[in-house]
C-alpha atoms as a PDB file:
ATOM      1  CA  MET A   1      40.932  27.269 305.824  1.00  0.00           C
ATOM      2  CA  ASP A   2      43.130  28.314 302.877  1.00  0.00           C
ATOM      3  CA  TYR A   3      45.899  25.732 303.325  1.00  0.00           C
ATOM      4  CA  ARG A   4      47.754  26.897 300.228  1.00  0.00           C
ATOM      5  CA  SER A   5      48.056  30.455 301.599  1.00  0.00           C
ATOM      6  CA  LEU A   6      49.121  29.121 305.006  1.00  0.00           C
ATOM      7  CA  PHE A   7      51.766  26.922 303.383  1.00  0.00           C
ATOM      8  CA  ILE A   8      53.217  29.886 301.448  1.00  0.00           C
ATOM      9  CA  LYS A   9      53.395  31.978 304.621  1.00  0.00           C
ATOM     10  CA  LEU A  10      55.196  29.186 306.478  1.00  0.00           C
ATOM     11  CA  ILE A  11      57.712  28.869 303.634  1.00  0.00           C
ATOM     12  CA  VAL A  12      58.394  32.617 303.727  1.00  0.00           C
ATOM     13  CA  ALA A  13      58.824  32.550 307.497  1.00  0.00           C
ATOM     14  CA  PHE A  14      61.222  29.601 307.290  1.00  0.00           C
ATOM     15  CA  TYR A  15      63.290  31.365 304.625  1.00  0.00           C
ATOM     16  CA  PHE A  16      63.773  34.550 306.655  1.00  0.00           C
ATOM     17  CA  VAL A  17      64.488  32.721 309.906  1.00  0.00           C
ATOM     18  CA  ALA A  18      67.163  30.754 308.066  1.00  0.00           C
ATOM     19  CA  GLU A  19      68.524  33.956 306.521  1.00  0.00           C
ATOM     20  CA  ALA A  20      68.609  35.722 309.890  1.00  0.00           C
ATOM     21  CA  THR A  21      70.378  32.758 311.463  1.00  0.00           C
ATOM     22  CA  GLN A  22      72.986  32.720 308.715  1.00  0.00           C
ATOM     23  CA  THR A  23      73.855  36.365 309.381  1.00  0.00           C
ATOM     24  CA  GLU A  24      75.148  35.347 312.794  1.00  0.00           C
ATOM     25  CA  ASP A  25      77.922  33.118 311.444  1.00  0.00           C
ATOM     26  CA  VAL A  26      81.046  34.010 309.506  1.00  0.00           C
ATOM     27  CA  SER A  27      80.281  32.170 306.271  1.00  0.00           C
ATOM     28  CA  ALA A  28      80.948  34.029 303.025  1.00  0.00           C
ATOM     29  CA  GLU A  29      78.192  36.303 301.706  1.00  0.00           C
ATOM     30  CA  GLN A  30      76.540  35.682 298.373  1.00  0.00           C
ATOM     31  CA  GLY A  31      75.811  38.592 296.041  1.00  0.00           C
ATOM     32  CA  PRO A  32      75.851  42.354 296.736  1.00  0.00           C
ATOM     33  CA  SER A  33      76.267  43.439 300.350  1.00  0.00           C
ATOM     34  CA  LEU A  34      76.565  46.518 302.553  1.00  0.00           C
ATOM     35  CA  ARG A  35      78.225  47.318 305.891  1.00  0.00           C
ATOM     36  CA  ILE A  36      79.432  49.938 308.394  1.00  0.00           C
ATOM     37  CA  LEU A  37      83.068  48.935 308.081  1.00  0.00           C
ATOM     38  CA  ASN A  38      85.539  50.328 310.623  1.00  0.00           C
ATOM     39  CA  GLY A  39      82.720  52.283 312.234  1.00  0.00           C
ATOM     40  CA  GLN A  40      82.532  53.754 315.714  1.00  0.00           C
ATOM     41  CA  VAL A  41      80.176  52.497 318.430  1.00  0.00           C
ATOM     42  CA  ALA A  42      77.152  54.761 318.841  1.00  0.00           C
ATOM     43  CA  ALA A  43      76.281  56.171 322.248  1.00  0.00           C
ATOM     44  CA  SER A  44      72.836  55.599 323.715  1.00  0.00           C
ATOM     45  CA  ALA A  45      70.237  57.854 322.023  1.00  0.00           C
ATOM     46  CA  GLN A  46      72.870  59.281 319.634  1.00  0.00           C
ATOM     47  CA  PHE A  47      70.770  58.290 316.614  1.00  0.00           C
ATOM     48  CA  PRO A  48      67.180  58.158 317.920  1.00  0.00           C
ATOM     49  CA  TYR A  49      65.751  57.839 314.397  1.00  0.00           C
ATOM     50  CA  GLN A  50      67.635  54.579 313.705  1.00  0.00           C
ATOM     51  CA  VAL A  51      65.550  51.397 313.814  1.00  0.00           C
ATOM     52  CA  SER A  52      66.082  47.708 313.193  1.00  0.00           C
ATOM     53  CA  VAL A  53      63.733  46.152 310.635  1.00  0.00           C
ATOM     54  CA  ARG A  54      63.023  42.557 311.647  1.00  0.00           C
ATOM     55  CA  VAL A  55      61.529  39.322 310.355  1.00  0.00           C
ATOM     56  CA  ASN A  56      60.260  37.105 313.182  1.00  0.00           C
ATOM     57  CA  LYS A  57      62.102  39.537 315.509  1.00  0.00           C
ATOM     58  CA  GLN A  58      65.460  38.833 313.823  1.00  0.00           C
ATOM     59  CA  HIS A  59      67.343  41.815 312.374  1.00  0.00           C
ATOM     60  CA  ILE A  60      67.456  41.923 308.568  1.00  0.00           C
ATOM     61  CA  CYS A  61      67.818  45.614 307.641  1.00  0.00           C
ATOM     62  CA  GLY A  62      68.053  49.143 308.954  1.00  0.00           C
ATOM     63  CA  GLY A  63      65.484  51.879 308.702  1.00  0.00           C
ATOM     64  CA  ALA A  64      64.654  55.430 309.762  1.00  0.00           C
ATOM     65  CA  LEU A  65      61.657  56.583 311.781  1.00  0.00           C
ATOM     66  CA  VAL A  66      59.951  59.435 309.894  1.00  0.00           C
ATOM     67  CA  SER A  67      56.754  59.710 311.979  1.00  0.00           C
ATOM     68  CA  PRO A  68      55.302  57.948 315.033  1.00  0.00           C
ATOM     69  CA  LYS A  69      53.769  55.286 312.799  1.00  0.00           C
ATOM     70  CA  PHE A  70      56.019  55.078 309.720  1.00  0.00           C
ATOM     71  CA  VAL A  71      59.524  53.778 309.021  1.00  0.00           C
ATOM     72  CA  LEU A  72      61.447  54.379 305.798  1.00  0.00           C
ATOM     73  CA  THR A  73      63.625  51.535 304.506  1.00  0.00           C
ATOM     74  CA  ALA A  74      64.812  49.877 301.291  1.00  0.00           C
ATOM     75  CA  ALA A  75      62.142  48.161 299.204  1.00  0.00           C
ATOM     76  CA  HIS A  76      64.297  45.079 298.609  1.00  0.00           C
ATOM     77  CA  CYS A  77      64.296  44.425 302.371  1.00  0.00           C
ATOM     78  CA  VAL A  78      60.512  44.032 302.592  1.00  0.00           C
ATOM     79  CA  HIS A  79      59.251  43.437 299.055  1.00  0.00           C
ATOM     80  CA  ASN A  80      56.981  40.346 298.930  1.00  0.00           C
ATOM     81  CA  VAL A  81      57.367  39.750 302.682  1.00  0.00           C
ATOM     82  CA  ASP A  82      54.090  39.141 304.512  1.00  0.00           C
ATOM     83  CA  HIS A  83      53.633  42.022 306.979  1.00  0.00           C
ATOM     84  CA  ASN A  84      52.654  39.505 309.676  1.00  0.00           C
ATOM     85  CA  PHE A  85      56.309  38.478 309.903  1.00  0.00           C
ATOM     86  CA  LEU A  86      57.681  42.031 309.995  1.00  0.00           C
ATOM     87  CA  GLY A  87      58.428  44.269 312.953  1.00  0.00           C
ATOM     88  CA  VAL A  88      60.543  47.246 313.995  1.00  0.00           C
ATOM     89  CA  GLN A  89      62.790  47.693 317.043  1.00  0.00           C
ATOM     90  CA  ALA A  90      63.610  51.251 318.176  1.00  0.00           C
ATOM     91  CA  GLY A  91      65.161  53.047 321.131  1.00  0.00           C
ATOM     92  CA  THR A  92      68.283  50.940 321.605  1.00  0.00           C
ATOM     93  CA  VAL A  93      71.837  50.797 320.259  1.00  0.00           C
ATOM     94  CA  SER A  94      71.942  47.057 320.985  1.00  0.00           C
ATOM     95  CA  ARG A  95      70.832  44.660 318.271  1.00  0.00           C
ATOM     96  CA  THR A  96      69.911  41.972 320.808  1.00  0.00           C
ATOM     97  CA  ALA A  97      68.513  43.783 323.844  1.00  0.00           C
ATOM     98  CA  GLY A  98      66.435  46.750 324.971  1.00  0.00           C
ATOM     99  CA  GLY A  99      64.272  49.164 323.076  1.00  0.00           C
ATOM    100  CA  LEU A 100      60.641  48.889 322.026  1.00  0.00           C
ATOM    101  CA  PHE A 101      59.146  46.586 319.408  1.00  0.00           C
ATOM    102  CA  ARG A 102      56.264  47.370 317.069  1.00  0.00           C
ATOM    103  CA  ALA A 103      54.543  45.029 314.630  1.00  0.00           C
ATOM    104  CA  VAL A 104      54.030  46.144 311.041  1.00  0.00           C
ATOM    105  CA  SER A 105      50.456  46.539 309.781  1.00  0.00           C
ATOM    106  CA  SER A 106      51.224  47.430 306.164  1.00  0.00           C
ATOM    107  CA  VAL A 107      54.128  47.470 303.687  1.00  0.00           C
ATOM    108  CA  ILE A 108      54.024  50.242 301.088  1.00  0.00           C
ATOM    109  CA  VAL A 109      56.615  49.667 298.368  1.00  0.00           C
ATOM    110  CA  HIS A 110      57.238  52.400 295.808  1.00  0.00           C
ATOM    111  CA  PRO A 111      54.967  51.679 292.821  1.00  0.00           C
ATOM    112  CA  GLN A 112      57.889  51.854 290.352  1.00  0.00           C
ATOM    113  CA  TYR A 113      60.218  49.672 292.399  1.00  0.00           C
ATOM    114  CA  GLY A 114      62.556  47.526 290.336  1.00  0.00           C
ATOM    115  CA  PHE A 115      66.313  47.853 290.365  1.00  0.00           C
ATOM    116  CA  ASP A 116      65.674  51.598 290.826  1.00  0.00           C
ATOM    117  CA  ASN A 117      63.215  53.260 293.240  1.00  0.00           C
ATOM    118  CA  ASP A 118      64.455  51.023 296.055  1.00  0.00           C
ATOM    119  CA  ILE A 119      62.372  52.613 298.772  1.00  0.00           C
ATOM    120  CA  ALA A 120      59.468  51.523 300.987  1.00  0.00           C
ATOM    121  CA  LEU A 121      57.474  52.621 304.007  1.00  0.00           C
ATOM    122  CA  LEU A 122      56.407  50.386 306.885  1.00  0.00           C
ATOM    123  CA  GLN A 123      53.217  51.349 308.682  1.00  0.00           C
ATOM    124  CA  LEU A 124      53.223  50.250 312.318  1.00  0.00           C
ATOM    125  CA  GLU A 125      50.275  48.725 314.156  1.00  0.00           C
ATOM    126  CA  THR A 126      50.972  50.935 317.176  1.00  0.00           C
ATOM    127  CA  PRO A 127      52.790  54.283 317.005  1.00  0.00           C
ATOM    128  CA  PHE A 128      55.971  54.873 318.947  1.00  0.00           C
ATOM    129  CA  ASP A 129      55.882  57.304 321.855  1.00  0.00           C
ATOM    130  CA  TYR A 130      58.748  59.741 321.471  1.00  0.00           C
ATOM    131  CA  SER A 131      61.541  59.877 324.038  1.00  0.00           C
ATOM    132  CA  ASP A 132      65.225  60.791 324.166  1.00  0.00           C
ATOM    133  CA  ALA A 133      66.006  57.470 322.469  1.00  0.00           C
ATOM    134  CA  ILE A 134      63.119  57.472 319.945  1.00  0.00           C
ATOM    135  CA  GLN A 135      62.697  60.476 317.649  1.00  0.00           C
ATOM    136  CA  PRO A 136      61.764  60.916 313.980  1.00  0.00           C
ATOM    137  CA  ILE A 137      64.043  62.473 311.396  1.00  0.00           C
ATOM    138  CA  ARG A 138      62.970  64.980 308.787  1.00  0.00           C
ATOM    139  CA  VAL A 139      63.389  64.035 305.138  1.00  0.00           C
ATOM    140  CA  ALA A 140      65.457  66.528 303.125  1.00  0.00           C
ATOM    141  CA  ASP A 141      63.752  68.351 300.266  1.00  0.00           C
ATOM    142  CA  TRP A 142      66.922  69.604 298.585  1.00  0.00           C
ATOM    143  CA  ASP A 143      70.163  68.113 297.270  1.00  0.00           C
ATOM    144  CA  VAL A 144      73.289  68.290 299.407  1.00  0.00           C
ATOM    145  CA  PRO A 145      76.276  70.046 297.771  1.00  0.00           C
ATOM    146  CA  ALA A 146      79.207  67.923 296.635  1.00  0.00           C
ATOM    147  CA  GLY A 147      82.071  67.314 299.031  1.00  0.00           C
ATOM    148  CA  GLU A 148      80.013  67.224 302.236  1.00  0.00           C
ATOM    149  CA  SER A 149      80.552  64.572 304.927  1.00  0.00           C
ATOM    150  CA  VAL A 150      77.504  62.453 305.852  1.00  0.00           C
ATOM    151  CA  ILE A 151      76.678  60.023 308.659  1.00  0.00           C
ATOM    152  CA  ILE A 152      75.754  56.381 308.071  1.00  0.00           C
ATOM    153  CA  SER A 153      74.759  53.890 310.770  1.00  0.00           C
ATOM    154  CA  GLY A 154      73.651  50.288 311.227  1.00  0.00           C
ATOM    155  CA  TRP A 155      74.087  46.828 312.739  1.00  0.00           C
ATOM    156  CA  GLY A 156      75.487  45.176 309.603  1.00  0.00           C
ATOM    157  CA  ARG A 157      78.406  42.790 309.250  1.00  0.00           C
ATOM    158  CA  ILE A 158      81.608  44.123 310.781  1.00  0.00           C
ATOM    159  CA  TYR A 159      83.827  42.651 308.064  1.00  0.00           C
ATOM    160  CA  GLU A 160      83.445  40.677 304.854  1.00  0.00           C
ATOM    161  CA  GLY A 161      81.684  37.399 305.672  1.00  0.00           C
ATOM    162  CA  GLY A 162      81.668  38.297 309.373  1.00  0.00           C
ATOM    163  CA  PRO A 163      78.928  38.440 312.005  1.00  0.00           C
ATOM    164  CA  LEU A 164      76.430  41.239 312.474  1.00  0.00           C
ATOM    165  CA  SER A 165      77.488  43.913 314.920  1.00  0.00           C
ATOM    166  CA  THR A 166      75.842  43.624 318.326  1.00  0.00           C
ATOM    167  CA  GLN A 167      76.110  47.402 318.805  1.00  0.00           C
ATOM    168  CA  LEU A 168      75.010  50.195 316.498  1.00  0.00           C
ATOM    169  CA  LEU A 169      77.994  51.459 314.488  1.00  0.00           C
ATOM    170  CA  TYR A 170      78.353  54.704 312.568  1.00  0.00           C
ATOM    171  CA  SER A 171      80.783  56.448 310.244  1.00  0.00           C
ATOM    172  CA  ARG A 172      81.377  59.963 308.928  1.00  0.00           C
ATOM    173  CA  SER A 173      83.754  58.817 306.175  1.00  0.00           C
ATOM    174  CA  LEU A 174      81.418  59.055 303.168  1.00  0.00           C
ATOM    175  CA  THR A 175      81.127  62.297 301.177  1.00  0.00           C
ATOM    176  CA  THR A 176      78.617  63.562 298.631  1.00  0.00           C
ATOM    177  CA  LEU A 177      79.396  63.607 294.914  1.00  0.00           C
ATOM    178  CA  LYS A 178      77.926  65.347 291.901  1.00  0.00           C
ATOM    179  CA  ASN A 179      75.528  63.173 289.918  1.00  0.00           C
ATOM    180  CA  GLU A 180      77.639  63.622 286.791  1.00  0.00           C
ATOM    181  CA  ASP A 181      80.644  62.144 288.624  1.00  0.00           C
ATOM    182  CA  CYS A 182      78.624  58.995 289.322  1.00  0.00           C
ATOM    183  CA  ALA A 183      77.442  58.884 285.728  1.00  0.00           C
ATOM    184  CA  ALA A 184      81.010  59.219 284.457  1.00  0.00           C
ATOM    185  CA  SER A 185      82.452  56.475 286.669  1.00  0.00           C
ATOM    186  CA  ASP A 186      79.570  54.041 287.179  1.00  0.00           C
ATOM    187  CA  GLY A 187      77.076  54.942 284.470  1.00  0.00           C
ATOM    188  CA  LEU A 188      74.498  55.930 287.114  1.00  0.00           C
ATOM    189  CA  THR A 189      71.970  58.330 285.604  1.00  0.00           C
ATOM    190  CA  ASN A 190      68.820  57.727 287.682  1.00  0.00           C
ATOM    191  CA  PRO A 191      67.830  61.018 289.410  1.00  0.00           C
ATOM    192  CA  GLY A 192      66.641  59.004 292.419  1.00  0.00           C
ATOM    193  CA  THR A 193      70.182  57.774 293.142  1.00  0.00           C
ATOM    194  CA  LEU A 194      72.250  59.493 295.829  1.00  0.00           C
ATOM    195  CA  CYS A 195      75.901  59.753 294.861  1.00  0.00           C
ATOM    196  CA  LEU A 196      78.361  59.169 297.713  1.00  0.00           C
ATOM    197  CA  LEU A 197      82.076  58.533 297.609  1.00  0.00           C
ATOM    198  CA  THR A 198      82.844  55.521 299.809  1.00  0.00           C
ATOM    199  CA  PRO A 199      86.565  55.305 300.659  1.00  0.00           C
ATOM    200  CA  GLN A 200      88.412  51.995 300.601  1.00  0.00           C
ATOM    201  CA  GLY A 201      87.755  50.013 303.780  1.00  0.00           C
ATOM    202  CA  ARG A 202      84.628  51.997 304.726  1.00  0.00           C
ATOM    203  CA  GLY A 203      80.896  51.891 304.085  1.00  0.00           C
ATOM    204  CA  PHE A 204      77.880  49.602 304.415  1.00  0.00           C
ATOM    205  CA  CYS A 205      77.604  45.798 304.456  1.00  0.00           C
ATOM    206  CA  GLY A 206      74.959  43.059 304.816  1.00  0.00           C
ATOM    207  CA  GLY A 207      72.379  43.998 307.428  1.00  0.00           C
ATOM    208  CA  ASP A 208      72.881  47.753 306.887  1.00  0.00           C
ATOM    209  CA  ASP A 209      70.545  47.798 303.860  1.00  0.00           C
ATOM    210  CA  GLY A 210      67.746  50.319 304.306  1.00  0.00           C
ATOM    211  CA  GLY A 211      69.790  52.251 306.841  1.00  0.00           C
ATOM    212  CA  PRO A 212      69.861  56.061 306.973  1.00  0.00           C
ATOM    213  CA  VAL A 213      72.269  58.520 305.357  1.00  0.00           C
ATOM    214  CA  VAL A 214      72.120  61.781 307.313  1.00  0.00           C
ATOM    215  CA  TYR A 215      73.428  65.308 306.728  1.00  0.00           C
ATOM    216  CA  ARG A 216      72.929  68.017 309.359  1.00  0.00           C
ATOM    217  CA  ASN A 217      70.120  66.068 311.020  1.00  0.00           C
ATOM    218  CA  LEU A 218      68.266  65.582 307.731  1.00  0.00           C
ATOM    219  CA  LEU A 219      67.618  62.211 306.110  1.00  0.00           C
ATOM    220  CA  ILE A 220      69.142  62.465 302.634  1.00  0.00           C
ATOM    221  CA  GLY A 221      69.273  58.793 301.649  1.00  0.00           C
ATOM    222  CA  ILE A 222      68.980  55.120 302.469  1.00  0.00           C
ATOM    223  CA  ALA A 223      71.388  52.271 301.743  1.00  0.00           C
ATOM    224  CA  SER A 224      70.280  50.350 298.667  1.00  0.00           C
ATOM    225  CA  TYR A 225      73.005  48.176 297.150  1.00  0.00           C
ATOM    226  CA  ASN A 226      76.727  47.687 296.698  1.00  0.00           C
ATOM    227  CA  ALA A 227      77.878  46.443 293.316  1.00  0.00           C
ATOM    228  CA  ASN A 228      81.245  45.384 294.750  1.00  0.00           C
ATOM    229  CA  ALA A 229      82.421  43.569 297.858  1.00  0.00           C
ATOM    230  CA  CYS A 230      82.195  45.232 301.269  1.00  0.00           C
ATOM    231  CA  GLY A 231      84.890  47.806 301.861  1.00  0.00           C
ATOM    232  CA  THR A 232      85.726  48.469 298.209  1.00  0.00           C
ATOM    233  CA  MET A 233      85.680  52.008 296.858  1.00  0.00           C
ATOM    234  CA  ALA A 234      82.306  52.898 295.306  1.00  0.00           C
ATOM    235  CA  ASN A 235      80.158  55.882 294.305  1.00  0.00           C
ATOM    236  CA  GLY A 236      76.541  54.729 294.080  1.00  0.00           C
ATOM    237  CA  GLY A 237      74.313  52.386 296.013  1.00  0.00           C
ATOM    238  CA  PHE A 238      72.004  54.837 297.815  1.00  0.00           C
ATOM    239  CA  THR A 239      68.430  56.008 297.279  1.00  0.00           C
ATOM    240  CA  LYS A 240      68.044  59.795 297.370  1.00  0.00           C
ATOM    241  CA  ALA A 241      65.370  60.623 299.947  1.00  0.00           C
ATOM    242  CA  SER A 242      64.655  64.159 298.687  1.00  0.00           C
ATOM    243  CA  TYR A 243      63.703  62.816 295.255  1.00  0.00           C
ATOM    244  CA  TYR A 244      60.896  60.797 296.887  1.00  0.00           C
ATOM    245  CA  LYS A 245      59.803  63.437 299.425  1.00  0.00           C
ATOM    246  CA  LEU A 246      56.383  64.025 297.842  1.00  0.00           C
ATOM    247  CA  TRP A 247      55.672  60.286 297.664  1.00  0.00           C
ATOM    248  CA  ILE A 248      56.729  59.847 301.291  1.00  0.00           C
ATOM    249  CA  GLN A 249      54.493  62.715 302.423  1.00  0.00           C
ATOM    250  CA  ALA A 250      51.548  61.372 300.438  1.00  0.00           C
ATOM    251  CA  VAL A 251      51.825  57.971 302.139  1.00  0.00           C
ATOM    252  CA  VAL A 252      52.546  59.214 305.656  1.00  0.00           C
ATOM    253  CA  TYR A 253      50.118  62.151 305.743  1.00  0.00           C
ATOM    254  CA  GLY A 254      47.738  61.379 302.882  1.00  0.00           C
END
């Protein structure tokens, strides 16, 4: 038996169980965070593509179902995590009950992942059967015009340093921006970054990372990072799904 490998796996498992447990309390967050602040409670099956990415069955991030056997999420959520500890919950708006669980068989992180290219695919051991509450979403292959309202959703913290939401929350408060507006205000020049204007008191928080950004039933982005505290006005922080469409197709259908 490779005891060294087993020891490393146990350490990783302990770390994520501890992290998941900490998200239940109201202690202050450390570092960048994301949330659906002041969001509305989603109705059952309202967002059938939304999934909960889990470590040891504890919610850590959001994700979007793009095929029966693949989930799109943020790379930083699953990078260097042993797939044996990962799973996906779908078909429920509750973080703690209902739905169907699938183990992860493989983690495919974008080959150029660093601070940029924060995108990954999770391959499931067993595909989901589609239903009213479980449906894939199509990835956009074009850029959304500036000034359009988008939908974000997730089970992240409900306020700064607060607990995770027990119910799926969503918001239509964010709007698309021109890339040059992001570059002018935040210095963001990466073509793989989705520019969204997040109003004060709105947006993502811890536990919403990897969650979907949707426009007219198309997946246009995923939550990546927030350089400021939850609820502060921001422009960047999202990975543009259309920019990675060919890579996604190659992994899912290749």
